């Protein structure tokens, strides 16, 4: 059985178009179309097998029957929030300390494990396809696609806003445009340097004092550790980010939370905008230094 069936009703304006043209208008990727051609009844017209070159008539229904093609992670019941879900996407509120994918030191306590468990409770199963990724100690909103069409449609199409606390006084707003590369000999650590990947970060100061500054941050690119590396690069490492020069005296992890996430739904096209409350540790830190500020 397919994991997802998606139907497109042919309008009068689409009368006479080829099936392939209909699918292109609905942002179905060419790679998905190619793969569905190899699936029995992967693409149908009014319930019958159809070729992408065949023509349609107003009132026809073109359908995609999308099978799941990957093995899900081991289901494990963990503490993570779900703020939105339907047949095509799911949005999590990831806690700090949880990795996204299983790795050597975290095989059964990841968001992928919780994703598998959450779907299992509903009698469902799907491959884990996260669209935006958060570092293990970054908290907040993350969207995952429930099938390949959603994944292709959402890739690079999400807008994220972060709340961050950095060290030192930083007022106003600014743009940090500096390439990020792997820091040789330091594991997963990154640094700004020649030959790195292009990266651009935008920040706005919401409140500041001599010790710390509260920021709203957006990134135009999604490089590993981007916000953390860029803030350290301009002399304002995130509080608690001891990998990049921040002090653990303020908070026991880097003070970064994805509090807003916006995207157009990959199937309906409707805009979605979701929010997440600050977790307790960041809320306490902000309350201590910026008691006058409220979200």
Protein backbone atom coordinates (compact mmCIF):
# COMPACT_ATOMS: atom_id res chain seq x y z
CA UNK A 1 0.00 0.00 0.00
CA UNK A 2 1.23 3.54 -0.73
CA UNK A 3 2.11 5.70 2.25
CA UNK A 4 0.37 8.70 0.65
CA UNK A 5 -2.11 9.25 -2.16
CA UNK A 6 -2.29 12.78 -3.56
CA UNK A 7 -4.93 13.83 -6.07
CA UNK A 8 -5.07 16.79 -8.45
CA UNK A 9 -8.41 17.67 -10.07
CA UNK A 10 -7.95 18.99 -13.61
CA UNK A 11 -9.46 22.46 -14.04
CA UNK A 12 -10.99 23.90 -17.23
CA UNK A 13 -7.86 26.01 -17.66
CA UNK A 14 -5.79 22.80 -17.66
CA UNK A 15 -7.93 21.02 -20.25
CA UNK A 16 -5.75 19.37 -22.90
CA UNK A 17 -2.48 19.59 -20.97
CA UNK A 18 -0.19 16.57 -20.66
CA UNK A 19 -0.10 14.74 -17.33
CA UNK A 20 3.55 15.78 -16.94
CA UNK A 21 2.56 19.43 -17.29
CA UNK A 22 -0.12 19.05 -14.63
CA UNK A 23 2.40 17.55 -12.22
CA UNK A 24 4.92 20.30 -12.93
CA UNK A 25 2.28 22.96 -12.18
CA UNK A 26 1.77 21.31 -8.78
CA UNK A 27 5.53 21.38 -8.04
CA UNK A 28 5.98 17.61 -8.26
CA UNK A 29 9.71 17.06 -8.75
CA UNK A 30 11.00 15.37 -11.88
CA UNK A 31 12.89 12.82 -9.77
CA UNK A 32 9.66 11.79 -8.01
CA UNK A 33 7.84 11.50 -11.35
CA UNK A 34 10.62 9.28 -12.69
CA UNK A 35 10.52 7.03 -9.63
CA UNK A 36 6.71 6.72 -9.72
CA UNK A 37 6.89 5.57 -13.33
CA UNK A 38 8.58 2.44 -11.97
CA UNK A 39 5.85 1.86 -9.36
CA UNK A 40 2.73 -0.08 -10.30
CA UNK A 41 -0.09 2.48 -10.50
CA UNK A 42 2.33 5.12 -9.28
CA UNK A 43 0.61 7.73 -11.48
CA UNK A 44 -3.03 7.27 -12.46
CA UNK A 45 -5.75 9.16 -14.30
CA UNK A 46 -9.26 8.50 -12.99
CA UNK A 47 -7.92 5.37 -11.31
CA UNK A 48 -6.22 3.97 -14.41
CA UNK A 49 -2.53 3.79 -15.29
CA UNK A 50 -1.43 6.80 -17.37
CA UNK A 51 1.70 8.06 -19.10
CA UNK A 52 3.04 11.55 -18.44
CA UNK A 53 2.67 12.43 -22.15
CA UNK A 54 -1.04 11.58 -22.21
CA UNK A 55 -3.53 14.46 -22.28
CA UNK A 56 -6.14 15.26 -19.67
CA UNK A 57 -9.67 16.64 -19.77
CA UNK A 58 -11.28 19.08 -17.34
CA UNK A 59 -12.79 17.11 -14.47
CA UNK A 60 -10.22 14.32 -14.65
CA UNK A 61 -8.32 13.38 -11.50
CA UNK A 62 -4.58 12.78 -11.66
CA UNK A 63 -3.31 10.84 -8.65
CA UNK A 64 0.10 10.02 -7.23
CA UNK A 65 0.49 6.88 -5.13
CA UNK A 66 3.71 7.48 -3.23
CA UNK A 67 5.23 4.46 -1.47
CA UNK A 68 7.63 4.82 1.42
CA UNK A 69 11.08 3.84 0.24
CA UNK A 70 13.20 3.92 3.39
CA UNK A 71 13.28 1.97 6.61
CA UNK A 72 12.23 4.06 9.64
CA UNK A 73 14.31 4.38 12.80
CA UNK A 74 13.63 2.22 15.86
CA UNK A 75 10.53 3.64 17.62
CA UNK A 76 11.27 5.03 21.10
CA UNK A 77 8.92 7.02 23.35
CA UNK A 78 10.76 10.27 24.14
CA UNK A 79 9.87 13.73 25.36
CA UNK A 80 9.40 16.00 22.35
CA UNK A 81 6.55 18.23 21.31
CA UNK A 82 4.45 18.07 18.14
CA UNK A 83 2.98 21.46 17.20
CA UNK A 84 1.48 20.56 13.82
CA UNK A 85 0.91 17.45 11.70
CA UNK A 86 -1.12 16.17 8.79
CA UNK A 87 -0.64 13.55 6.07
CA UNK A 88 2.23 15.46 4.46
CA UNK A 89 4.29 17.24 7.14
CA UNK A 90 4.98 17.18 10.86
CA UNK A 91 6.48 19.99 12.94
CA UNK A 92 8.29 19.20 16.18
CA UNK A 93 9.30 21.34 19.13
CA UNK A 94 12.68 19.71 19.75
CA UNK A 95 14.15 19.94 23.25
CA UNK A 96 17.77 20.86 23.84
CA UNK A 97 20.01 17.81 24.24
CA UNK A 98 18.27 15.70 21.59
CA UNK A 99 20.10 14.86 18.37
CA UNK A 100 18.15 14.70 15.12
CA UNK A 101 19.55 11.49 13.59
CA UNK A 102 20.99 8.39 15.29
CA UNK A 103 24.78 8.57 15.59
CA UNK A 104 27.40 6.50 17.38
CA UNK A 105 26.73 7.93 20.85
CA UNK A 106 23.00 8.48 20.35
CA UNK A 107 21.38 5.46 18.74
CA UNK A 108 17.92 5.37 20.34
CA UNK A 109 17.34 8.81 21.90
CA UNK A 110 17.00 10.96 18.80
CA UNK A 111 14.23 12.87 17.10
CA UNK A 112 14.17 10.17 14.42
CA UNK A 113 13.35 7.58 17.10
CA UNK A 114 10.56 9.74 18.52
CA UNK A 115 9.23 10.38 15.00
CA UNK A 116 8.97 6.62 14.39
CA UNK A 117 7.27 6.06 17.76
CA UNK A 118 4.81 8.92 17.26
CA UNK A 119 3.68 7.58 13.88
CA UNK A 120 3.53 4.02 15.21
CA UNK A 121 0.91 5.14 17.78
CA UNK A 122 -1.28 6.11 14.84
CA UNK A 123 -0.65 2.90 12.92
CA UNK A 124 1.54 4.76 10.45
CA UNK A 125 5.12 4.48 9.27
CA UNK A 126 7.32 6.76 7.18
CA UNK A 127 10.93 7.54 6.51
CA UNK A 128 12.31 10.43 8.56
CA UNK A 129 12.96 13.38 6.24
CA UNK A 130 13.84 16.49 8.28
CA UNK A 131 13.79 19.69 6.22
CA UNK A 132 15.58 21.97 8.67
CA UNK A 133 18.05 20.60 11.19
CA UNK A 134 18.96 21.87 14.63
CA UNK A 135 22.14 21.18 16.58
CA UNK A 136 21.76 18.79 19.50
CA UNK A 137 21.67 21.62 22.07
CA UNK A 138 19.56 24.00 19.99
CA UNK A 139 15.89 23.83 20.90
CA UNK A 140 12.81 24.71 18.93
CA UNK A 141 10.86 24.12 15.75
CA UNK A 142 11.78 21.55 13.12
CA UNK A 143 9.72 20.38 10.17
CA UNK A 144 9.92 16.91 8.61
CA UNK A 145 8.31 15.72 5.39
CA UNK A 146 6.23 12.56 5.47
CA UNK A 147 6.93 11.58 1.86
CA UNK A 148 9.18 12.45 -1.07
CA UNK A 149 6.88 14.99 -2.69
CA UNK A 150 6.71 17.05 0.50
CA UNK A 151 10.46 16.81 0.96
CA UNK A 152 11.17 18.12 -2.53
CA UNK A 153 8.60 20.93 -2.26
CA UNK A 154 9.85 22.11 1.16
CA UNK A 155 13.58 21.95 0.47
CA UNK A 156 15.00 25.44 0.92
CA UNK A 157 11.51 26.92 1.37
CA UNK A 158 11.25 27.31 5.14
CA UNK A 159 11.78 30.60 6.98
CA UNK A 160 13.09 30.32 10.52
CA UNK A 161 13.57 32.90 13.26
CA UNK A 162 15.72 32.24 16.31
CA UNK A 163 15.99 33.78 19.75
CA UNK A 164 19.61 33.93 20.89
CA UNK A 165 21.51 35.33 23.84
CA UNK A 166 25.08 36.39 23.10
CA UNK A 167 27.81 37.70 25.36
CA UNK A 168 28.63 41.41 25.51
CA UNK A 169 26.60 44.44 24.48
CA UNK A 170 25.30 44.33 20.91
CA UNK A 171 22.81 46.99 19.84
CA UNK A 172 20.95 47.69 16.61
CA UNK A 173 20.88 45.24 13.75
CA UNK A 174 23.41 43.82 11.35
CA UNK A 175 24.38 41.30 8.72
CA UNK A 176 27.23 38.82 9.05
CA UNK A 177 28.38 37.56 5.66
CA UNK A 178 31.36 35.26 6.07
CA UNK A 179 32.21 31.79 4.67
CA UNK A 180 32.19 28.84 7.07
CA UNK A 181 34.56 25.89 6.80
CA UNK A 182 35.47 22.84 8.86
CA UNK A 183 38.05 23.55 11.56
CA UNK A 184 40.76 21.00 10.85
CA UNK A 185 41.64 18.77 13.77
CA UNK A 186 38.64 19.84 15.87
CA UNK A 187 35.97 17.28 15.05
CA UNK A 188 32.65 18.89 14.13
CA UNK A 189 33.83 22.40 15.02
CA UNK A 190 33.55 25.07 12.32
CA UNK A 191 35.19 28.44 11.71
CA UNK A 192 35.05 31.43 9.39
CA UNK A 193 37.76 31.13 6.77
CA UNK A 194 38.81 31.24 3.16
CA UNK A 195 37.50 28.36 1.08
CA UNK A 196 34.44 27.89 3.27
CA UNK A 197 30.81 27.75 2.15
CA UNK A 198 28.95 31.02 1.69
CA UNK A 199 26.90 31.95 4.77
CA UNK A 200 24.77 34.96 5.69
CA UNK A 201 23.21 35.72 9.09
CA UNK A 202 20.92 38.63 9.99
CA UNK A 203 20.43 39.74 13.59
CA UNK A 204 18.44 42.36 15.47
CA UNK A 205 19.12 43.28 19.08
CA UNK A 206 15.97 43.14 21.21
CA UNK A 207 17.60 44.12 24.50
CA UNK A 208 21.14 44.51 25.83
CA UNK A 209 23.23 45.15 28.89
CA UNK A 210 26.96 45.16 29.51
CA UNK A 211 27.07 41.39 30.03
CA UNK A 212 24.60 39.96 27.51
CA UNK A 213 22.43 40.82 24.52
CA UNK A 214 19.12 39.32 23.47
CA UNK A 215 18.81 38.82 19.71
CA UNK A 216 16.36 37.83 17.03
CA UNK A 217 18.28 35.99 14.30
CA UNK A 218 17.51 34.80 10.77
CA UNK A 219 19.77 32.88 8.44
CA UNK A 220 19.73 33.03 4.66
CA UNK A 221 21.84 29.88 4.47
CA UNK A 222 21.86 26.74 6.59
CA UNK A 223 25.48 25.95 7.35
CA UNK A 224 26.41 23.73 10.27
CA UNK A 225 26.70 25.80 13.50
CA UNK A 226 26.14 28.95 11.40
CA UNK A 227 24.70 31.28 14.04
CA UNK A 228 27.14 30.07 16.67
CA UNK A 229 30.17 30.50 14.40
CA UNK A 230 29.11 33.90 13.07
CA UNK A 231 28.37 35.35 16.49
CA UNK A 232 31.73 34.16 17.80
CA UNK A 233 33.38 35.61 14.69
CA UNK A 234 32.19 39.14 15.54
CA UNK A 235 33.28 38.77 19.16
CA UNK A 236 29.88 37.91 20.67
CA UNK A 237 29.72 34.13 21.23
CA UNK A 238 26.43 32.69 22.41
CA UNK A 239 26.07 32.36 26.15
CA UNK A 240 26.78 28.75 27.14
CA UNK A 241 28.54 27.92 23.86
CA UNK A 242 31.83 26.68 25.24
CA UNK A 243 32.79 25.22 21.82
CA UNK A 244 33.02 28.75 20.43
CA UNK A 245 34.17 30.75 23.45
CA UNK A 246 30.94 31.23 25.38
CA UNK A 247 30.74 30.84 29.14
CA UNK A 248 28.79 28.08 30.89
CA UNK A 249 28.30 30.37 33.88
CA UNK A 250 25.13 31.76 32.29
CA UNK A 251 23.47 28.62 30.97
CA UNK A 252 24.52 24.98 30.50
CA UNK A 253 24.06 24.91 26.71
CA UNK A 254 24.31 27.44 23.92
CA UNK A 255 21.42 29.88 24.24
CA UNK A 256 19.69 29.37 20.92
CA UNK A 257 16.03 28.54 20.25
CA UNK A 258 14.10 28.40 16.96
CA UNK A 259 10.87 30.11 18.00
CA UNK A 260 9.18 30.75 14.63
CA UNK A 261 8.86 28.66 11.48
CA UNK A 262 6.97 29.57 8.32
CA UNK A 263 6.43 27.74 5.04
CA UNK A 264 3.84 27.08 2.36
CA UNK A 265 2.21 23.68 2.70
CA UNK A 266 3.81 21.34 0.14
CA UNK A 267 0.49 19.99 -1.16
CA UNK A 268 -2.21 22.62 -0.51
CA UNK A 269 0.08 25.62 -0.95
CA UNK A 270 -1.48 27.30 2.11
CA UNK A 271 0.93 29.40 4.23
CA UNK A 272 1.69 28.06 7.71
CA UNK A 273 3.31 30.03 10.51
CA UNK A 274 4.09 28.30 13.81
CA UNK A 275 5.56 29.48 17.10
CA UNK A 276 7.28 27.87 20.07
CA UNK A 277 7.55 29.12 23.62
CA UNK A 278 11.00 29.64 25.08
CA UNK A 279 12.22 26.62 27.10
CA UNK A 280 12.74 27.03 30.82
CA UNK A 281 16.51 27.52 30.83
CA UNK A 282 16.46 30.31 28.25
CA UNK A 283 13.38 31.89 29.77
CA UNK A 284 15.13 32.01 33.16
CA UNK A 285 18.30 33.51 31.65
CA UNK A 286 16.36 36.18 29.76
CA UNK A 287 14.21 36.93 32.81
CA UNK A 288 17.30 37.44 34.96
CA UNK A 289 19.02 39.93 32.65
CA UNK A 290 16.11 41.41 30.70
CA UNK A 291 13.15 41.29 33.05
CA UNK A 292 11.51 44.19 31.18
CA UNK A 293 11.44 42.26 27.89
CA UNK A 294 8.50 40.10 26.90
CA UNK A 295 7.99 38.11 23.72
